[in-house]
Amino acid sequence: MKLAETISIRAGDRTIPFVEAGAALPLTKKETLSTARDRQESVRCELVAGARHVAFVEVGVASAPRGVPKVSLELRIDDDGSVSVVLRGEDGEASASFSVTTRM
């Protein structure tokens, strides 16, 4: 099975193509993200499939200069199109996740 639409991650004012349409399923992809502003206290990532919003996840981070706090984003899409996203702070203590059962 192949992914029908490109999956993008919207974080702050940036939208990043994350997995291109046509990618073979199942798949797992990881990325390290950071803050865009000084003293930002959370990182929010929105999952976008094609042009439609699917879901979002937000995790708290330590207040620090821009780019210092790091978060790990993991996206998994199963054969049946079920999506799981986990966002973790670099300390491993703060985390947030969501799962969506939909056809991707």
Protein backbone atom coordinates (compact mmCIF):
# COMPACT_ATOMS: atom_id res chain seq x y z
CA MET A 1 0.00 0.00 0.00
CA LYS A 2 1.16 3.56 -0.73
CA LEU A 3 0.50 6.88 0.93
CA ALA A 4 -2.17 8.80 -1.03
CA GLU A 5 -1.24 12.35 0.07
CA THR A 6 1.87 14.17 1.20
CA ILE A 7 2.05 14.45 4.99
CA SER A 8 3.34 17.78 6.25
CA ILE A 9 4.14 19.01 9.74
CA ARG A 10 3.21 22.59 10.57
CA ALA A 11 5.30 23.91 13.47
CA GLY A 12 4.98 27.59 14.27
CA ASP A 13 4.94 29.51 11.00
CA ARG A 14 6.69 26.76 9.00
CA THR A 15 5.14 23.89 7.09
CA ILE A 16 7.58 21.07 6.40
CA PRO A 17 6.84 18.31 3.87
CA PHE A 18 7.50 15.27 6.04
CA VAL A 19 6.52 12.22 3.96
CA GLU A 20 5.85 12.44 0.22
CA ALA A 21 2.76 10.97 -1.44
CA GLY A 22 3.49 7.53 -2.87
CA ALA A 23 5.67 6.42 0.06
CA ALA A 24 5.33 2.73 0.86
CA LEU A 25 3.37 1.79 3.98
CA PRO A 26 3.94 0.94 6.76
CA LEU A 27 6.46 3.66 7.58
CA THR A 28 8.12 5.35 10.52
CA LYS A 29 9.86 8.70 10.29
CA LYS A 30 11.67 10.71 12.97
CA GLU A 31 12.77 14.33 13.06
CA THR A 32 14.32 16.66 15.64
CA LEU A 33 12.68 20.06 15.96
CA SER A 34 13.42 23.10 18.08
CA THR A 35 11.91 26.38 19.19
CA ALA A 36 11.51 29.37 16.88
CA ARG A 37 11.46 32.11 19.54
CA ASP A 38 13.42 32.96 22.67
CA ARG A 39 11.80 31.74 25.91
CA GLN A 40 9.21 29.68 24.05
CA GLU A 41 7.61 27.31 26.57
CA SER A 42 6.07 24.75 24.23
CA VAL A 43 6.34 23.29 20.75
CA ARG A 44 3.13 22.58 18.84
CA CYS A 45 3.10 20.42 15.73
CA GLU A 46 0.12 20.07 13.43
CA LEU A 47 -0.25 17.10 11.10
CA VAL A 48 -1.53 18.06 7.63
CA ALA A 49 -2.48 15.52 4.95
CA GLY A 50 -2.66 17.22 1.56
CA ALA A 51 -4.55 20.42 2.42
CA ARG A 52 -6.55 19.08 5.38
CA HIS A 53 -5.72 19.40 9.06
CA VAL A 54 -5.67 15.97 10.72
CA ALA A 55 -4.61 16.68 14.32
CA PHE A 56 -2.06 18.48 16.46
CA VAL A 57 0.15 17.72 19.43
CA GLU A 58 1.92 20.09 21.82
CA VAL A 59 4.66 19.50 24.38
CA GLY A 60 6.19 21.80 26.99
CA VAL A 61 9.88 22.67 26.83
CA ALA A 62 12.26 24.51 29.14
CA SER A 63 12.32 28.27 28.60
CA ALA A 64 15.61 29.01 26.80
CA PRO A 65 17.06 30.90 23.83
CA ARG A 66 15.65 30.10 20.41
CA GLY A 67 16.90 26.81 19.00
CA VAL A 68 18.20 25.44 22.31
CA PRO A 69 15.26 23.23 23.43
CA LYS A 70 14.97 20.16 21.21
CA VAL A 71 11.98 17.90 20.70
CA SER A 72 11.80 14.57 18.91
CA LEU A 73 8.89 13.95 16.54
CA GLU A 74 8.03 10.38 15.49
CA LEU A 75 5.37 9.63 12.88
CA ARG A 76 4.14 6.09 12.22
CA ILE A 77 1.60 5.09 9.58
CA ASP A 78 0.41 1.47 9.55
CA ASP A 79 -0.73 -0.56 6.52
CA ASP A 80 -4.37 0.29 7.31
CA GLY A 81 -3.70 4.05 7.37
CA SER A 82 -3.69 4.43 11.17
CA VAL A 83 -1.45 7.32 12.18
CA SER A 84 0.46 7.69 15.43
CA VAL A 85 2.51 10.76 16.34
CA VAL A 86 4.67 11.17 19.44
CA LEU A 87 6.38 14.44 20.39
CA ARG A 88 8.96 14.24 23.20
CA GLY A 89 11.09 16.83 24.94
CA GLU A 90 14.83 16.16 24.80
CA ASP A 91 14.86 15.30 28.49
CA GLY A 92 12.41 12.48 27.76
CA GLU A 93 10.13 13.59 30.57
CA ALA A 94 7.66 15.77 28.65
CA SER A 95 5.75 14.00 25.92
CA ALA A 96 2.47 14.17 24.06
CA SER A 97 0.94 11.89 21.46
CA PHE A 98 -2.08 11.27 19.31
CA SER A 99 -3.41 8.49 17.14
CA VAL A 100 -5.80 8.85 14.23
CA THR A 101 -7.56 6.03 12.43
CA THR A 102 -8.21 7.35 8.95
CA ARG A 103 -7.27 6.57 5.38
CA MET A 104 -4.12 8.43 4.51
